[in-house]
Protein backbone atom coordinates (compact mmCIF):
# COMPACT_ATOMS: atom_id res chain seq x y z
CA MET A 1 21.67 -33.44 -9.07
CA VAL A 2 21.71 -32.04 -5.53
CA SER A 3 22.42 -28.53 -6.80
CA ARG A 4 19.46 -28.76 -9.18
CA ILE A 5 17.18 -29.73 -6.28
CA VAL A 6 18.53 -26.87 -4.17
CA LEU A 7 18.03 -24.37 -7.01
CA THR A 8 14.51 -25.65 -7.60
CA CYS A 9 13.68 -25.26 -3.90
CA LEU A 10 15.11 -21.73 -3.85
CA ALA A 11 13.12 -20.77 -6.93
CA LEU A 12 9.92 -22.11 -5.39
CA ALA A 13 10.60 -20.28 -2.13
CA ALA A 14 11.25 -17.02 -3.98
CA GLY A 15 8.01 -17.46 -5.88
CA ALA A 16 6.13 -18.08 -2.64
CA VAL A 17 7.60 -14.93 -1.08
CA THR A 18 6.63 -12.89 -4.15
CA ALA A 19 3.11 -14.35 -4.10
CA ALA A 20 2.76 -13.60 -0.37
CA ALA A 21 3.86 -9.99 -0.96
CA ALA A 22 1.31 -9.63 -3.74
CA ASP A 23 -1.38 -11.13 -1.50
CA TRP A 24 -0.96 -8.68 1.39
CA ARG A 25 -0.69 -5.71 -0.95
CA SER A 26 -3.82 -6.80 -2.79
CA GLN A 27 -5.70 -7.29 0.49
CA ALA A 28 -4.47 -3.92 1.81
CA LEU A 29 -5.66 -2.18 -1.36
CA THR A 30 -9.09 -3.82 -1.07
CA ASP A 31 -9.38 -2.80 2.59
CA VAL A 32 -8.26 0.79 1.94
CA LYS A 33 -10.66 1.20 -1.00
CA ALA A 34 -13.52 0.00 1.24
CA GLU A 35 -13.10 3.05 3.49
CA PRO A 36 -15.97 5.55 2.89
CA LYS A 37 -13.68 8.60 2.57
CA VAL A 38 -11.50 6.96 -0.10
CA VAL A 39 -12.18 7.88 -3.73
CA ASP A 40 -9.45 5.61 -5.13
CA ALA A 41 -6.14 4.02 -4.17
CA ILE A 42 -3.17 2.55 -6.03
CA TRP A 43 0.26 1.14 -5.27
CA SER A 44 2.49 3.57 -7.17
CA GLN A 45 5.55 1.53 -6.08
CA ASP A 46 6.06 -1.43 -3.74
CA ILE A 47 6.51 0.94 -0.79
CA SER A 48 4.19 3.74 -1.88
CA LEU A 49 0.40 3.66 -1.49
CA TRP A 50 -1.43 6.66 -2.95
CA VAL A 51 -4.95 7.27 -1.66
CA SER A 52 -7.24 9.96 -3.06
CA VAL A 53 -9.95 11.65 -0.99
CA ALA A 54 -12.07 14.79 -1.21
CA ASP A 55 -10.22 17.77 0.25
CA ASP A 56 -12.17 19.14 3.22
CA GLY A 57 -9.37 21.48 4.26
CA SER A 58 -8.09 19.27 7.08
CA ASP A 59 -4.70 17.63 7.52
CA ARG A 60 -5.16 13.97 6.60
CA SER A 61 -1.98 12.64 8.25
CA GLY A 62 -4.08 11.02 11.00
CA PHE A 63 -6.17 9.27 8.35
CA ALA A 64 -2.95 8.11 6.66
CA GLY A 65 -1.86 6.66 10.01
CA TYR A 66 -5.17 4.83 10.32
CA LEU A 67 -4.66 3.39 6.82
CA CYS A 68 -1.25 2.15 7.99
CA MET A 69 -3.12 0.03 10.54
CA LEU A 70 -5.24 -1.44 7.74
CA VAL A 71 -2.11 -2.19 5.71
CA SER A 72 -0.55 -3.93 8.72
CA ASP A 73 -3.74 -5.90 9.40
CA ALA A 74 -3.64 -7.07 5.77
CA GLY A 75 -0.34 -8.82 6.54
CA ARG A 76 2.41 -6.28 5.89
CA PRO A 77 5.64 -7.91 7.08
CA ASP A 78 7.41 -6.02 9.86
CA SER A 79 10.42 -5.68 7.56
CA SER A 80 8.41 -3.83 4.87
CA ILE A 81 8.10 -0.07 4.95
CA VAL A 82 5.05 1.52 3.33
CA ILE A 83 4.47 5.23 2.81
CA VAL A 84 0.79 6.20 2.60
CA SER A 85 0.19 9.49 0.80
CA ILE A 86 -3.26 11.06 0.97
CA LEU A 87 -3.93 13.09 -2.17
CA ASP A 88 -6.68 15.49 -3.24
CA ALA A 89 -8.96 13.66 -5.69
CA ALA A 90 -10.04 16.87 -7.44
CA ALA A 91 -6.43 17.93 -8.01
CA LEU A 92 -5.60 14.51 -9.45
CA ALA A 93 -8.51 14.90 -11.89
CA ARG A 94 -6.79 18.09 -13.11
CA ASN A 95 -3.45 16.20 -13.44
CA GLU A 96 -2.12 17.98 -10.36
CA ARG A 97 -0.73 16.43 -7.19
CA LYS A 98 -1.81 18.00 -3.92
CA GLU A 99 -0.77 16.08 -0.83
CA LEU A 100 -3.15 16.31 2.12
CA GLY A 101 -1.33 14.00 4.52
CA LYS A 102 1.28 11.29 4.81
CA ALA A 103 2.32 8.49 7.15
CA GLU A 104 5.10 5.93 7.24
CA CYS A 105 3.97 2.43 8.13
CA SER A 106 6.92 0.71 9.76
C-alpha cells in the first residue's frame, strides 16, 4: 500500500515537472514570436529554438543573445540549456538552412 502511494506521488510529480517544462517553453515561444524582427519560431528539440528573420546582412548572434533573455524570463530553469539559432527566413522558404547567428542560453 505504501509503495503504491509513493509511486503515485512520484508519477504526479513527474507529470508536474513535464507540465512546467511545457509551460515555460510555450511562454518563451509566444514571447519570441512577439518580437517585430521574428518571422517565425519553433522548438526543433527540447534544447533547440529555431527563429527565422529576414537577412539584412548582419550577424544576428546579439539578437540570439537577447532572445535568450526572453527565454529565461519565461521561466527557463537554470539547469536547462537552450540553443537559439537565428535562421534566414527566405532560405528556409527555399528548403535551405542559412544560419545568421546563434547563442547558448545557460
